[in-house]
């Protein structure tokens, strides 16, 4: 029941998708989930249909979790070797 009290702090929000321009609902439950992550995740910019399409087209044939793992591995490798964009501190 603690979660329902937590969710009461959030209200459903209408967001316009940056890709298709359609409005979609960012529910109170989704907001609580996003806010509960550490660090908190930013609000979605795309509706579910556009997110799914983007996931399929970024790395066709590769499950999204594998594509994210590859990106994270590339970041970790660069981080371990001290390759940082200007202005980003090491460590």
PDB file of N, CA and C in Angstrom:
ATOM      1  N   UNK A   1       0.808  -1.208   0.000  1.00  0.00           N
ATOM      2  CA  UNK A   1       0.000   0.000   0.000  1.00  0.00           C
ATOM      3  C   UNK A   1       0.850   1.271   0.000  1.00  0.00           C
ATOM      4  N   UNK A   2       2.096   1.156   0.355  1.00  0.00           N
ATOM      5  CA  UNK A   2       2.979   2.328   0.329  1.00  0.00           C
ATOM      6  C   UNK A   2       3.047   2.888  -1.079  1.00  0.00           C
ATOM      7  N   UNK A   3       3.087   1.996  -2.087  1.00  0.00           N
ATOM      8  CA  UNK A   3       3.197   2.440  -3.468  1.00  0.00           C
ATOM      9  C   UNK A   3       1.998   3.296  -3.868  1.00  0.00           C
ATOM     10  N   UNK A   4       0.781   2.940  -3.423  1.00  0.00           N
ATOM     11  CA  UNK A   4      -0.384   3.734  -3.809  1.00  0.00           C
ATOM     12  C   UNK A   4      -0.304   5.138  -3.219  1.00  0.00           C
ATOM     13  N   UNK A   5       0.243   5.286  -2.016  1.00  0.00           N
ATOM     14  CA  UNK A   5       0.447   6.620  -1.461  1.00  0.00           C
ATOM     15  C   UNK A   5       1.464   7.389  -2.284  1.00  0.00           C
ATOM     16  N   UNK A   6       2.509   6.691  -2.711  1.00  0.00           N
ATOM     17  CA  UNK A   6       3.551   7.315  -3.517  1.00  0.00           C
ATOM     18  C   UNK A   6       2.981   7.768  -4.854  1.00  0.00           C
ATOM     19  N   UNK A   7       2.146   6.902  -5.472  1.00  0.00           N
ATOM     20  CA  UNK A   7       1.547   7.235  -6.757  1.00  0.00           C
ATOM     21  C   UNK A   7       0.591   8.406  -6.662  1.00  0.00           C
ATOM     22  N   UNK A   8       0.012   8.657  -5.495  1.00  0.00           N
ATOM     23  CA  UNK A   8      -0.944   9.757  -5.366  1.00  0.00           C
ATOM     24  C   UNK A   8      -0.271  11.111  -5.527  1.00  0.00           C
ATOM     25  N   UNK A   9       1.052  11.162  -5.471  1.00  0.00           N
ATOM     26  CA  UNK A   9       1.782  12.415  -5.680  1.00  0.00           C
ATOM     27  C   UNK A   9       1.848  12.775  -7.161  1.00  0.00           C
ATOM     28  N   UNK A  10       1.575  11.809  -8.012  1.00  0.00           N
ATOM     29  CA  UNK A  10       1.674  12.010  -9.452  1.00  0.00           C
ATOM     30  C   UNK A  10       0.289  12.027 -10.070  1.00  0.00           C
ATOM     31  N   UNK A  11       0.146  12.785 -11.132  1.00  0.00           N
ATOM     32  CA  UNK A  11      -1.105  12.848 -11.899  1.00  0.00           C
ATOM     33  C   UNK A  11      -0.799  12.459 -13.338  1.00  0.00           C
ATOM     34  N   UNK A  12      -1.746  11.800 -13.996  1.00  0.00           N
ATOM     35  CA  UNK A  12      -1.566  11.479 -15.411  1.00  0.00           C
ATOM     36  C   UNK A  12      -1.237  12.759 -16.173  1.00  0.00           C
ATOM     37  N   UNK A  13      -0.344  12.627 -17.125  1.00  0.00           N
ATOM     38  CA  UNK A  13       0.137  13.789 -17.865  1.00  0.00           C
ATOM     39  C   UNK A  13       0.052  13.490 -19.363  1.00  0.00           C
ATOM     40  N   UNK A  14      -0.388  14.461 -20.136  1.00  0.00           N
ATOM     41  CA  UNK A  14      -0.451  14.328 -21.588  1.00  0.00           C
ATOM     42  C   UNK A  14       0.856  14.876 -22.158  1.00  0.00           C
ATOM     43  N   UNK A  15       1.512  14.055 -23.007  1.00  0.00           N
ATOM     44  CA  UNK A  15       2.774  14.455 -23.635  1.00  0.00           C
ATOM     45  C   UNK A  15       2.614  14.295 -25.141  1.00  0.00           C
ATOM     46  N   UNK A  16       3.177  15.212 -25.898  1.00  0.00           N
ATOM     47  CA  UNK A  16       3.153  15.129 -27.357  1.00  0.00           C
ATOM     48  C   UNK A  16       4.403  14.396 -27.836  1.00  0.00           C
ATOM     49  N   UNK A  17       4.230  13.378 -28.656  1.00  0.00           N
ATOM     50  CA  UNK A  17       5.332  12.578 -29.193  1.00  0.00           C
ATOM     51  C   UNK A  17       6.159  13.442 -30.151  1.00  0.00           C
ATOM     52  N   UNK A  18       7.494  13.416 -29.978  1.00  0.00           N
ATOM     53  CA  UNK A  18       8.379  14.220 -30.824  1.00  0.00           C
ATOM     54  C   UNK A  18       8.474  13.669 -32.247  1.00  0.00           C
ATOM     55  N   UNK A  19       8.118  12.403 -32.448  1.00  0.00           N
ATOM     56  CA  UNK A  19       8.220  11.816 -33.780  1.00  0.00           C
ATOM     57  C   UNK A  19       6.927  11.954 -34.577  1.00  0.00           C
ATOM     58  N   UNK A  20       5.812  11.496 -34.027  1.00  0.00           N
ATOM     59  CA  UNK A  20       4.559  11.486 -34.794  1.00  0.00           C
ATOM     60  C   UNK A  20       3.648  12.672 -34.485  1.00  0.00           C
ATOM     61  N   UNK A  21       3.891  13.354 -33.370  1.00  0.00           N
ATOM     62  CA  UNK A  21       3.071  14.512 -33.007  1.00  0.00           C
ATOM     63  C   UNK A  21       1.782  14.166 -32.296  1.00  0.00           C
ATOM     64  N   UNK A  22       1.497  12.885 -32.090  1.00  0.00           N
ATOM     65  CA  UNK A  22       0.288  12.484 -31.364  1.00  0.00           C
ATOM     66  C   UNK A  22       0.506  12.624 -29.866  1.00  0.00           C
ATOM     67  N   UNK A  23      -0.577  12.883 -29.158  1.00  0.00           N
ATOM     68  CA  UNK A  23      -0.525  12.958 -27.706  1.00  0.00           C
ATOM     69  C   UNK A  23      -0.629  11.553 -27.121  1.00  0.00           C
ATOM     70  N   UNK A  24       0.074  11.335 -26.002  1.00  0.00           N
ATOM     71  CA  UNK A  24      -0.042  10.075 -25.274  1.00  0.00           C
ATOM     72  C   UNK A  24      -0.033  10.375 -23.792  1.00  0.00           C
ATOM     73  N   UNK A  25      -0.546   9.426 -22.997  1.00  0.00           N
ATOM     74  CA  UNK A  25      -0.656   9.623 -21.553  1.00  0.00           C
ATOM     75  C   UNK A  25       0.556   9.013 -20.856  1.00  0.00           C
ATOM     76  N   UNK A  26       1.204   9.831 -20.041  1.00  0.00           N
ATOM     77  CA  UNK A  26       2.272   9.375 -19.146  1.00  0.00           C
ATOM     78  C   UNK A  26       1.583   9.223 -17.796  1.00  0.00           C
ATOM     79  N   UNK A  27       1.225   7.971 -17.466  1.00  0.00           N
ATOM     80  CA  UNK A  27       0.372   7.730 -16.298  1.00  0.00           C
ATOM     81  C   UNK A  27       1.093   8.012 -14.984  1.00  0.00           C
ATOM     82  N   UNK A  28       0.310   8.180 -13.936  1.00  0.00           N
ATOM     83  CA  UNK A  28       0.870   8.400 -12.598  1.00  0.00           C
ATOM     84  C   UNK A  28       1.759   7.222 -12.203  1.00  0.00           C
ATOM     85  N   UNK A  29       1.341   6.010 -12.523  1.00  0.00           N
ATOM     86  CA  UNK A  29       2.133   4.820 -12.206  1.00  0.00           C
ATOM     87  C   UNK A  29       3.471   4.815 -12.941  1.00  0.00           C
ATOM     88  N   UNK A  30       3.439   5.195 -14.219  1.00  0.00           N
ATOM     89  CA  UNK A  30       4.689   5.277 -14.993  1.00  0.00           C
ATOM     90  C   UNK A  30       5.609   6.343 -14.420  1.00  0.00           C
ATOM     91  N   UNK A  31       5.031   7.469 -14.021  1.00  0.00           N
ATOM     92  CA  UNK A  31       5.844   8.538 -13.434  1.00  0.00           C
ATOM     93  C   UNK A  31       6.508   8.070 -12.145  1.00  0.00           C
ATOM     94  N   UNK A  32       5.765   7.340 -11.323  1.00  0.00           N
ATOM     95  CA  UNK A  32       6.328   6.815 -10.073  1.00  0.00           C
ATOM     96  C   UNK A  32       7.466   5.849 -10.376  1.00  0.00           C
ATOM     97  N   UNK A  33       7.282   4.997 -11.398  1.00  0.00           N
ATOM     98  CA  UNK A  33       8.328   4.060 -11.795  1.00  0.00           C
ATOM     99  C   UNK A  33       9.572   4.818 -12.260  1.00  0.00           C
ATOM    100  N   UNK A  34       9.389   5.795 -13.156  1.00  0.00           N
ATOM    101  CA  UNK A  34      10.519   6.576 -13.677  1.00  0.00           C
ATOM    102  C   UNK A  34      11.225   7.307 -12.545  1.00  0.00           C
ATOM    103  N   UNK A  35      10.465   7.878 -11.633  1.00  0.00           N
ATOM    104  CA  UNK A  35      11.037   8.643 -10.529  1.00  0.00           C
ATOM    105  C   UNK A  35      11.753   7.743  -9.522  1.00  0.00           C
ATOM    106  N   UNK A  36      11.329   6.473  -9.434  1.00  0.00           N
ATOM    107  CA  UNK A  36      11.911   5.537  -8.486  1.00  0.00           C
ATOM    108  C   UNK A  36      13.270   5.006  -8.903  1.00  0.00           C
ATOM    109  N   UNK A  37      13.667   5.218 -10.160  1.00  0.00           N
ATOM    110  CA  UNK A  37      14.969   4.765 -10.638  1.00  0.00           C
ATOM    111  C   UNK A  37      16.059   5.692 -10.125  1.00  0.00           C
ATOM    112  N   UNK A  38      17.234   5.159  -9.988  1.00  0.00           N
ATOM    113  CA  UNK A  38      18.382   5.967  -9.545  1.00  0.00           C
ATOM    114  C   UNK A  38      19.457   5.918 -10.587  1.00  0.00           C
ATOM    115  N   UNK A  39      19.812   7.016 -11.198  1.00  0.00           N
ATOM    116  CA  UNK A  39      19.161   8.320 -11.087  1.00  0.00           C
ATOM    117  C   UNK A  39      17.786   8.277 -11.760  1.00  0.00           C
ATOM    118  N   UNK A  40      16.888   9.198 -11.360  1.00  0.00           N
ATOM    119  CA  UNK A  40      15.554   9.195 -11.963  1.00  0.00           C
ATOM    120  C   UNK A  40      15.641   9.334 -13.486  1.00  0.00           C
ATOM    121  N   UNK A  41      14.795   8.603 -14.184  1.00  0.00           N
ATOM    122  CA  UNK A  41      14.750   8.675 -15.637  1.00  0.00           C
ATOM    123  C   UNK A  41      13.990   9.920 -16.062  1.00  0.00           C
ATOM    124  N   UNK A  42      14.327  10.447 -17.231  1.00  0.00           N
ATOM    125  CA  UNK A  42      13.594  11.599 -17.742  1.00  0.00           C
ATOM    126  C   UNK A  42      12.265  11.130 -18.336  1.00  0.00           C
ATOM    127  N   UNK A  43      11.374  12.071 -18.557  1.00  0.00           N
ATOM    128  CA  UNK A  43      10.067  11.754 -19.135  1.00  0.00           C
ATOM    129  C   UNK A  43      10.254  11.197 -20.538  1.00  0.00           C
ATOM    130  N   UNK A  44       9.351  10.320 -20.953  1.00  0.00           N
ATOM    131  CA  UNK A  44       9.438   9.824 -22.331  1.00  0.00           C
ATOM    132  C   UNK A  44       9.130  10.945 -23.317  1.00  0.00           C
ATOM    133  N   UNK A  45       9.748  10.891 -24.489  1.00  0.00           N
ATOM    134  CA  UNK A  45       9.498  11.878 -25.537  1.00  0.00           C
ATOM    135  C   UNK A  45       8.672  11.280 -26.661  1.00  0.00           C
ATOM    136  N   UNK A  46       8.614   9.950 -26.702  1.00  0.00           N
ATOM    137  CA  UNK A  46       7.940   9.259 -27.797  1.00  0.00           C
ATOM    138  C   UNK A  46       6.825   8.371 -27.257  1.00  0.00           C
ATOM    139  N   UNK A  47       5.769   8.232 -28.061  1.00  0.00           N
ATOM    140  CA  UNK A  47       4.685   7.313 -27.715  1.00  0.00           C
ATOM    141  C   UNK A  47       5.199   5.884 -27.861  1.00  0.00           C
ATOM    142  N   UNK A  48       4.454   4.918 -27.351  1.00  0.00           N
ATOM    143  CA  UNK A  48       4.896   3.523 -27.392  1.00  0.00           C
ATOM    144  C   UNK A  48       5.136   3.043 -28.814  1.00  0.00           C
ATOM    145  N   UNK A  49       4.258   3.387 -29.742  1.00  0.00           N
ATOM    146  CA  UNK A  49       4.418   2.943 -31.130  1.00  0.00           C
ATOM    147  C   UNK A  49       5.719   3.482 -31.733  1.00  0.00           C
ATOM    148  N   UNK A  50       6.029   4.749 -31.480  1.00  0.00           N
ATOM    149  CA  UNK A  50       7.266   5.336 -32.024  1.00  0.00           C
ATOM    150  C   UNK A  50       8.501   4.790 -31.315  1.00  0.00           C
ATOM    151  N   UNK A  51       8.399   4.521 -30.006  1.00  0.00           N
ATOM    152  CA  UNK A  51       9.531   3.895 -29.290  1.00  0.00           C
ATOM    153  C   UNK A  51       9.814   2.515 -29.865  1.00  0.00           C
ATOM    154  N   UNK A  52       8.749   1.732 -30.061  1.00  0.00           N
ATOM    155  CA  UNK A  52       8.918   0.390 -30.615  1.00  0.00           C
ATOM    156  C   UNK A  52       9.508   0.446 -32.019  1.00  0.00           C
ATOM    157  N   UNK A  53       9.026   1.367 -32.852  1.00  0.00           N
ATOM    158  CA  UNK A  53       9.553   1.514 -34.206  1.00  0.00           C
ATOM    159  C   UNK A  53      11.030   1.894 -34.163  1.00  0.00           C
ATOM    160  N   UNK A  54      11.367   2.827 -33.308  1.00  0.00           N
ATOM    161  CA  UNK A  54      12.759   3.279 -33.185  1.00  0.00           C
ATOM    162  C   UNK A  54      13.658   2.125 -32.743  1.00  0.00           C
ATOM    163  N   UNK A  55      13.211   1.341 -31.807  1.00  0.00           N
ATOM    164  CA  UNK A  55      13.992   0.201 -31.331  1.00  0.00           C
ATOM    165  C   UNK A  55      14.240  -0.807 -32.452  1.00  0.00           C
ATOM    166  N   UNK A  56      13.231  -1.033 -33.279  1.00  0.00           N
ATOM    167  CA  UNK A  56      13.379  -1.988 -34.387  1.00  0.00           C
ATOM    168  C   UNK A  56      14.300  -1.463 -35.471  1.00  0.00           C
ATOM    169  N   UNK A  57      14.351  -0.154 -35.669  1.00  0.00           N
ATOM    170  CA  UNK A  57      15.121   0.405 -36.781  1.00  0.00           C
ATOM    171  C   UNK A  57      16.541   0.800 -36.407  1.00  0.00           C
ATOM    172  N   UNK A  58      16.826   1.033 -35.133  1.00  0.00           N
ATOM    173  CA  UNK A  58      18.189   1.409 -34.733  1.00  0.00           C
ATOM    174  C   UNK A  58      19.144   0.248 -34.974  1.00  0.00           C
ATOM    175  N   UNK A  59      18.792  -0.935 -34.549  1.00  0.00           N
ATOM    176  CA  UNK A  59      19.596  -2.137 -34.736  1.00  0.00           C
ATOM    177  C   UNK A  59      18.676  -3.261 -35.174  1.00  0.00           C
ATOM    178  N   UNK A  60      18.311  -3.302 -36.463  1.00  0.00           N
ATOM    179  CA  UNK A  60      17.377  -4.325 -36.918  1.00  0.00           C
ATOM    180  C   UNK A  60      17.895  -5.729 -36.612  1.00  0.00           C
ATOM    181  N   UNK A  61      17.009  -6.560 -36.099  1.00  0.00           N
ATOM    182  CA  UNK A  61      17.369  -7.942 -35.815  1.00  0.00           C
ATOM    183  C   UNK A  61      18.102  -8.152 -34.508  1.00  0.00           C
ATOM    184  N   UNK A  62      18.407  -7.075 -33.799  1.00  0.00           N
ATOM    185  CA  UNK A  62      19.104  -7.195 -32.514  1.00  0.00           C
ATOM    186  C   UNK A  62      18.118  -6.841 -31.415  1.00  0.00           C
ATOM    187  N   UNK A  63      17.908  -7.729 -30.450  1.00  0.00           N
ATOM    188  CA  UNK A  63      17.023  -7.374 -29.341  1.00  0.00           C
ATOM    189  C   UNK A  63      17.489  -6.079 -28.678  1.00  0.00           C
ATOM    190  N   UNK A  64      16.536  -5.242 -28.282  1.00  0.00           N
ATOM    191  CA  UNK A  64      16.872  -3.934 -27.716  1.00  0.00           C
ATOM    192  C   UNK A  64      17.833  -4.064 -26.539  1.00  0.00           C
ATOM    193  N   UNK A  65      17.635  -5.053 -25.690  1.00  0.00           N
ATOM    194  CA  UNK A  65      18.505  -5.206 -24.524  1.00  0.00           C
ATOM    195  C   UNK A  65      19.950  -5.463 -24.957  1.00  0.00           C
ATOM    196  N   UNK A  66      20.143  -6.201 -26.069  1.00  0.00           N
ATOM    197  CA  UNK A  66      21.497  -6.431 -26.575  1.00  0.00           C
ATOM    198  C   UNK A  66      22.105  -5.149 -27.117  1.00  0.00           C
ATOM    199  N   UNK A  67      21.287  -4.349 -27.811  1.00  0.00           N
ATOM    200  CA  UNK A  67      21.786  -3.081 -28.353  1.00  0.00           C
ATOM    201  C   UNK A  67      22.201  -2.150 -27.222  1.00  0.00           C
ATOM    202  N   UNK A  68      21.411  -2.105 -26.155  1.00  0.00           N
ATOM    203  CA  UNK A  68      21.747  -1.263 -25.001  1.00  0.00           C
ATOM    204  C   UNK A  68      23.008  -1.786 -24.324  1.00  0.00           C
ATOM    205  N   UNK A  69      23.119  -3.104 -24.190  1.00  0.00           N
ATOM    206  CA  UNK A  69      24.309  -3.693 -23.569  1.00  0.00           C
ATOM    207  C   UNK A  69      25.555  -3.348 -24.376  1.00  0.00           C
ATOM    208  N   UNK A  70      25.454  -3.396 -25.709  1.00  0.00           N
ATOM    209  CA  UNK A  70      26.599  -3.039 -26.557  1.00  0.00           C
ATOM    210  C   UNK A  70      26.983  -1.574 -26.373  1.00  0.00           C
ATOM    211  N   UNK A  71      25.992  -0.704 -26.321  1.00  0.00           N
ATOM    212  CA  UNK A  71      26.276   0.720 -26.123  1.00  0.00           C
ATOM    213  C   UNK A  71      26.919   0.942 -24.763  1.00  0.00           C
ATOM    214  N   UNK A  72      26.421   0.272 -23.743  1.00  0.00           N
ATOM    215  CA  UNK A  72      26.998   0.416 -22.408  1.00  0.00           C
ATOM    216  C   UNK A  72      28.420  -0.122 -22.367  1.00  0.00           C
ATOM    217  N   UNK A  73      28.673  -1.225 -23.057  1.00  0.00           N
ATOM    218  CA  UNK A  73      30.021  -1.791 -23.103  1.00  0.00           C
ATOM    219  C   UNK A  73      30.971  -0.818 -23.791  1.00  0.00           C
ATOM    220  N   UNK A  74      30.518  -0.215 -24.887  1.00  0.00           N
ATOM    221  CA  UNK A  74      31.356   0.763 -25.589  1.00  0.00           C
ATOM    222  C   UNK A  74      31.663   1.943 -24.676  1.00  0.00           C
ATOM    223  N   UNK A  75      30.659   2.417 -23.927  1.00  0.00           N
ATOM    224  CA  UNK A  75      30.878   3.519 -23.000  1.00  0.00           C
ATOM    225  C   UNK A  75      31.863   3.107 -21.907  1.00  0.00           C
ATOM    226  N   UNK A  76      31.653   1.914 -21.316  1.00  0.00           N
ATOM    227  CA  UNK A  76      32.529   1.446 -20.245  1.00  0.00           C
ATOM    228  C   UNK A  76      33.965   1.301 -20.738  1.00  0.00           C
ATOM    229  N   UNK A  77      34.147   0.803 -21.956  1.00  0.00           N
ATOM    230  CA  UNK A  77      35.491   0.642 -22.515  1.00  0.00           C
ATOM    231  C   UNK A  77      36.157   2.006 -22.673  1.00  0.00           C
ATOM    232  N   UNK A  78      35.431   2.970 -23.230  1.00  0.00           N
ATOM    233  CA  UNK A  78      35.985   4.322 -23.384  1.00  0.00           C
ATOM    234  C   UNK A  78      36.288   4.919 -22.017  1.00  0.00           C
ATOM    235  N   UNK A  79      35.402   4.687 -21.066  1.00  0.00           N
ATOM    236  CA  UNK A  79      35.574   5.228 -19.724  1.00  0.00           C
ATOM    237  C   UNK A  79      36.820   4.636 -19.071  1.00  0.00           C
ATOM    238  N   UNK A  80      37.022   3.324 -19.225  1.00  0.00           N
ATOM    239  CA  UNK A  80      38.185   2.659 -18.630  1.00  0.00           C
ATOM    240  C   UNK A  80      39.496   3.161 -19.214  1.00  0.00           C
ATOM    241  N   UNK A  81      39.467   3.602 -20.474  1.00  0.00           N
ATOM    242  CA  UNK A  81      40.690   4.064 -21.122  1.00  0.00           C
ATOM    243  C   UNK A  81      40.870   5.570 -21.022  1.00  0.00           C
ATOM    244  N   UNK A  82      40.000   6.233 -20.289  1.00  0.00           N
ATOM    245  CA  UNK A  82      40.119   7.677 -20.096  1.00  0.00           C
ATOM    246  C   UNK A  82      39.711   8.497 -21.293  1.00  0.00           C
ATOM    247  N   UNK A  83      38.980   7.896 -22.250  1.00  0.00           N
ATOM    248  CA  UNK A  83      38.508   8.635 -23.428  1.00  0.00           C
ATOM    249  C   UNK A  83      37.206   9.329 -23.079  1.00  0.00           C
ATOM    250  N   UNK A  84      37.266  10.587 -22.783  1.00  0.00           N
ATOM    251  CA  UNK A  84      36.083  11.331 -22.381  1.00  0.00           C
ATOM    252  C   UNK A  84      35.915  12.553 -23.273  1.00  0.00           C
ATOM    253  N   UNK A  85      34.672  12.869 -23.605  1.00  0.00           N
ATOM    254  CA  UNK A  85      34.455  14.118 -24.327  1.00  0.00           C
ATOM    255  C   UNK A  85      34.955  15.280 -23.485  1.00  0.00           C
ATOM    256  N   UNK A  86      35.348  16.337 -24.159  1.00  0.00           N
ATOM    257  CA  UNK A  86      35.850  17.501 -23.446  1.00  0.00           C
ATOM    258  C   UNK A  86      34.823  17.999 -22.441  1.00  0.00           C
ATOM    259  N   UNK A  87      35.250  18.306 -21.265  1.00  0.00           N
ATOM    260  CA  UNK A  87      34.369  18.812 -20.224  1.00  0.00           C
ATOM    261  C   UNK A  87      33.795  17.726 -19.337  1.00  0.00           C
ATOM    262  N   UNK A  88      33.995  16.443 -19.681  1.00  0.00           N
ATOM    263  CA  UNK A  88      33.499  15.353 -18.848  1.00  0.00           C
ATOM    264  C   UNK A  88      34.664  14.823 -18.037  1.00  0.00           C
ATOM    265  N   UNK A  89      34.597  14.899 -16.701  1.00  0.00           N
ATOM    266  CA  UNK A  89      35.721  14.473 -15.877  1.00  0.00           C
ATOM    267  C   UNK A  89      35.925  12.976 -15.894  1.00  0.00           C
ATOM    268  N   UNK A  90      37.156  12.544 -15.721  1.00  0.00           N
ATOM    269  CA  UNK A  90      37.456  11.123 -15.590  1.00  0.00           C
ATOM    270  C   UNK A  90      36.960  10.625 -14.248  1.00  0.00           C
ATOM    271  N   UNK A  91      36.602   9.332 -14.202  1.00  0.00           N
ATOM    272  CA  UNK A  91      36.301   8.682 -12.948  1.00  0.00           C
ATOM    273  C   UNK A  91      34.918   8.768 -12.539  1.00  0.00           C
TER     274      UNK A  91
END
